[in-house]
Amino acid sequence: MINDIGNNATKVIPGTFAGQGANGARGNVYFRIKGNDVVVTKPNGTFVTILKDGVNQNPSVKSALEGKVR
């Protein structure tokens, strides 16, 4: 599932996600979206996490989709 979403995302948008910056701060990521599920990766492509129904449930993804930075 992770590889499927990561490799076949219908949308890839930049955003920020908790724990990905220095000292656990918010840091830059890419949200790779397929359907309502999201794979979060670091800018270099390293896997961070998968968010089932992240499009509807995760505030970081929702903000990125709206063009807002958290």
N, C-alpha and C. Protein backbone atom coordinates (compact mmCIF):
# COMPACT_ATOMS: atom_id res chain seq x y z
N MET A 1 0.81 -1.19 0.00
CA MET A 1 0.00 0.00 0.00
C MET A 1 0.86 1.26 0.00
N ILE A 2 1.91 1.28 0.81
CA ILE A 2 2.78 2.45 0.88
C ILE A 2 3.43 2.72 -0.47
N ASN A 3 4.00 1.69 -1.08
CA ASN A 3 4.63 1.86 -2.39
C ASN A 3 3.63 2.25 -3.45
N ASP A 4 2.42 1.68 -3.40
CA ASP A 4 1.39 2.02 -4.38
C ASP A 4 1.05 3.50 -4.31
N ILE A 5 0.81 4.02 -3.11
CA ILE A 5 0.48 5.44 -2.97
C ILE A 5 1.69 6.30 -3.35
N GLY A 6 2.86 5.94 -2.85
CA GLY A 6 4.06 6.72 -3.13
C GLY A 6 4.40 6.79 -4.61
N ASN A 7 4.22 5.67 -5.31
CA ASN A 7 4.59 5.62 -6.73
C ASN A 7 3.47 6.01 -7.68
N ASN A 8 2.23 5.96 -7.21
CA ASN A 8 1.08 6.23 -8.09
C ASN A 8 0.18 7.33 -7.53
N ALA A 9 0.76 8.26 -6.81
CA ALA A 9 -0.03 9.35 -6.23
C ALA A 9 -0.70 10.16 -7.34
N THR A 10 -1.94 10.56 -7.08
CA THR A 10 -2.65 11.42 -8.03
C THR A 10 -2.31 12.88 -7.80
N LYS A 11 -1.76 13.17 -6.62
CA LYS A 11 -1.38 14.54 -6.29
C LYS A 11 -0.22 14.48 -5.31
N VAL A 12 0.77 15.34 -5.52
CA VAL A 12 1.90 15.48 -4.60
C VAL A 12 2.01 16.95 -4.25
N ILE A 13 1.87 17.27 -2.96
CA ILE A 13 1.91 18.66 -2.55
C ILE A 13 2.90 18.85 -1.41
N PRO A 14 3.61 19.99 -1.40
CA PRO A 14 4.52 20.27 -0.30
C PRO A 14 3.75 20.75 0.92
N GLY A 15 4.31 20.50 2.08
CA GLY A 15 3.71 20.97 3.33
C GLY A 15 4.70 20.82 4.45
N THR A 16 4.21 20.95 5.67
CA THR A 16 5.05 20.72 6.85
C THR A 16 4.37 19.69 7.74
N PHE A 17 5.19 19.01 8.54
CA PHE A 17 4.67 17.94 9.39
C PHE A 17 5.47 17.91 10.68
N ALA A 18 4.78 17.70 11.78
CA ALA A 18 5.42 17.70 13.10
C ALA A 18 6.53 16.66 13.18
N GLY A 19 7.61 17.04 13.85
CA GLY A 19 8.70 16.12 14.11
C GLY A 19 9.70 15.96 12.98
N GLN A 20 9.54 16.70 11.90
CA GLN A 20 10.44 16.52 10.76
C GLN A 20 11.50 17.60 10.65
N GLY A 21 11.43 18.61 11.52
CA GLY A 21 12.43 19.67 11.53
C GLY A 21 13.45 19.47 12.63
N ALA A 22 14.29 20.46 12.79
CA ALA A 22 15.32 20.41 13.83
C ALA A 22 14.68 20.33 15.21
N ASN A 23 15.24 19.50 16.06
CA ASN A 23 14.78 19.34 17.44
C ASN A 23 13.30 19.00 17.55
N GLY A 24 12.78 18.26 16.59
CA GLY A 24 11.39 17.81 16.64
C GLY A 24 10.37 18.84 16.19
N ALA A 25 10.82 19.94 15.64
CA ALA A 25 9.90 20.98 15.16
C ALA A 25 9.23 20.52 13.86
N ARG A 26 8.29 21.32 13.38
CA ARG A 26 7.68 21.05 12.08
C ARG A 26 8.76 21.17 11.01
N GLY A 27 8.69 20.32 10.01
CA GLY A 27 9.67 20.36 8.93
C GLY A 27 9.01 20.11 7.59
N ASN A 28 9.72 20.42 6.54
CA ASN A 28 9.20 20.27 5.18
C ASN A 28 9.03 18.80 4.80
N VAL A 29 7.91 18.52 4.14
CA VAL A 29 7.60 17.18 3.66
C VAL A 29 6.83 17.30 2.35
N TYR A 30 6.62 16.14 1.73
CA TYR A 30 5.68 16.04 0.61
C TYR A 30 4.57 15.11 1.02
N PHE A 31 3.34 15.51 0.71
CA PHE A 31 2.17 14.67 0.92
C PHE A 31 1.84 14.04 -0.42
N ARG A 32 1.95 12.72 -0.50
CA ARG A 32 1.67 11.97 -1.72
C ARG A 32 0.30 11.34 -1.55
N ILE A 33 -0.66 11.86 -2.31
CA ILE A 33 -2.08 11.54 -2.10
C ILE A 33 -2.61 10.63 -3.19
N LYS A 34 -3.33 9.61 -2.75
CA LYS A 34 -4.07 8.73 -3.66
C LYS A 34 -5.39 8.42 -2.98
N GLY A 35 -6.48 8.86 -3.60
CA GLY A 35 -7.79 8.74 -2.95
C GLY A 35 -7.78 9.63 -1.72
N ASN A 36 -8.14 9.08 -0.58
CA ASN A 36 -8.11 9.83 0.68
C ASN A 36 -6.91 9.48 1.55
N ASP A 37 -6.05 8.59 1.05
CA ASP A 37 -4.89 8.15 1.82
C ASP A 37 -3.65 8.95 1.41
N VAL A 38 -2.74 9.11 2.36
CA VAL A 38 -1.58 9.97 2.15
C VAL A 38 -0.32 9.27 2.66
N VAL A 39 0.72 9.28 1.84
CA VAL A 39 2.05 8.88 2.29
C VAL A 39 2.85 10.17 2.46
N VAL A 40 3.46 10.33 3.62
CA VAL A 40 4.28 11.50 3.92
C VAL A 40 5.74 11.11 3.72
N THR A 41 6.46 11.93 2.94
CA THR A 41 7.89 11.70 2.74
C THR A 41 8.66 12.98 3.01
N LYS A 42 9.93 12.81 3.37
CA LYS A 42 10.83 13.94 3.47
C LYS A 42 11.10 14.42 2.05
N PRO A 43 11.62 15.65 1.88
CA PRO A 43 11.92 16.14 0.53
C PRO A 43 12.84 15.23 -0.27
N ASN A 44 13.70 14.46 0.40
CA ASN A 44 14.61 13.55 -0.32
C ASN A 44 13.95 12.21 -0.67
N GLY A 45 12.66 12.06 -0.32
CA GLY A 45 11.92 10.85 -0.65
C GLY A 45 11.85 9.81 0.46
N THR A 46 12.54 10.04 1.57
CA THR A 46 12.51 9.10 2.69
C THR A 46 11.11 9.02 3.28
N PHE A 47 10.62 7.80 3.48
CA PHE A 47 9.30 7.57 4.06
C PHE A 47 9.23 8.09 5.49
N VAL A 48 8.11 8.79 5.82
CA VAL A 48 7.87 9.26 7.18
C VAL A 48 6.73 8.47 7.81
N THR A 49 5.56 8.48 7.16
CA THR A 49 4.40 7.77 7.70
C THR A 49 3.32 7.66 6.64
N ILE A 50 2.32 6.84 6.93
CA ILE A 50 1.14 6.76 6.08
C ILE A 50 -0.05 7.23 6.91
N LEU A 51 -0.93 8.00 6.28
CA LEU A 51 -2.11 8.53 6.95
C LEU A 51 -3.35 8.02 6.24
N LYS A 52 -3.97 6.99 6.82
CA LYS A 52 -5.22 6.48 6.27
C LYS A 52 -6.27 7.57 6.42
N ASP A 53 -6.97 7.90 5.33
CA ASP A 53 -7.98 8.96 5.29
C ASP A 53 -7.39 10.32 5.72
N GLY A 54 -6.10 10.50 5.47
CA GLY A 54 -5.42 11.73 5.86
C GLY A 54 -5.96 12.98 5.21
N VAL A 55 -6.54 12.84 4.00
CA VAL A 55 -7.12 14.00 3.31
C VAL A 55 -8.24 14.60 4.16
N ASN A 56 -9.00 13.76 4.82
CA ASN A 56 -10.13 14.23 5.62
C ASN A 56 -9.81 14.40 7.10
N GLN A 57 -8.81 13.67 7.60
CA GLN A 57 -8.58 13.61 9.04
C GLN A 57 -7.38 14.42 9.55
N ASN A 58 -6.38 14.66 8.71
CA ASN A 58 -5.14 15.25 9.21
C ASN A 58 -5.07 16.75 8.94
N PRO A 59 -4.92 17.57 9.99
CA PRO A 59 -4.88 19.02 9.81
C PRO A 59 -3.70 19.51 8.96
N SER A 60 -2.56 18.83 9.01
CA SER A 60 -1.41 19.24 8.20
C SER A 60 -1.70 19.05 6.72
N VAL A 61 -2.31 17.93 6.37
CA VAL A 61 -2.67 17.66 4.97
C VAL A 61 -3.74 18.65 4.51
N LYS A 62 -4.74 18.87 5.34
CA LYS A 62 -5.82 19.79 4.98
C LYS A 62 -5.28 21.19 4.73
N SER A 63 -4.36 21.65 5.58
CA SER A 63 -3.76 22.97 5.40
C SER A 63 -2.97 23.05 4.10
N ALA A 64 -2.20 22.01 3.81
CA ALA A 64 -1.41 22.00 2.58
C ALA A 64 -2.33 22.02 1.35
N LEU A 65 -3.42 21.28 1.40
CA LEU A 65 -4.36 21.27 0.28
C LEU A 65 -5.01 22.64 0.07
N GLU A 66 -5.15 23.40 1.15
CA GLU A 66 -5.73 24.74 1.07
C GLU A 66 -4.67 25.80 0.76
N GLY A 67 -3.41 25.37 0.62
CA GLY A 67 -2.33 26.30 0.32
C GLY A 67 -1.83 27.07 1.53
N LYS A 68 -2.17 26.60 2.71
CA LYS A 68 -1.74 27.26 3.94
C LYS A 68 -0.56 26.51 4.53
N VAL A 69 0.32 27.24 5.21
CA VAL A 69 1.45 26.62 5.89
C VAL A 69 1.13 26.58 7.37
N ARG A 70 1.33 25.43 7.99
CA ARG A 70 1.09 25.31 9.44
C ARG A 70 2.35 25.59 10.19
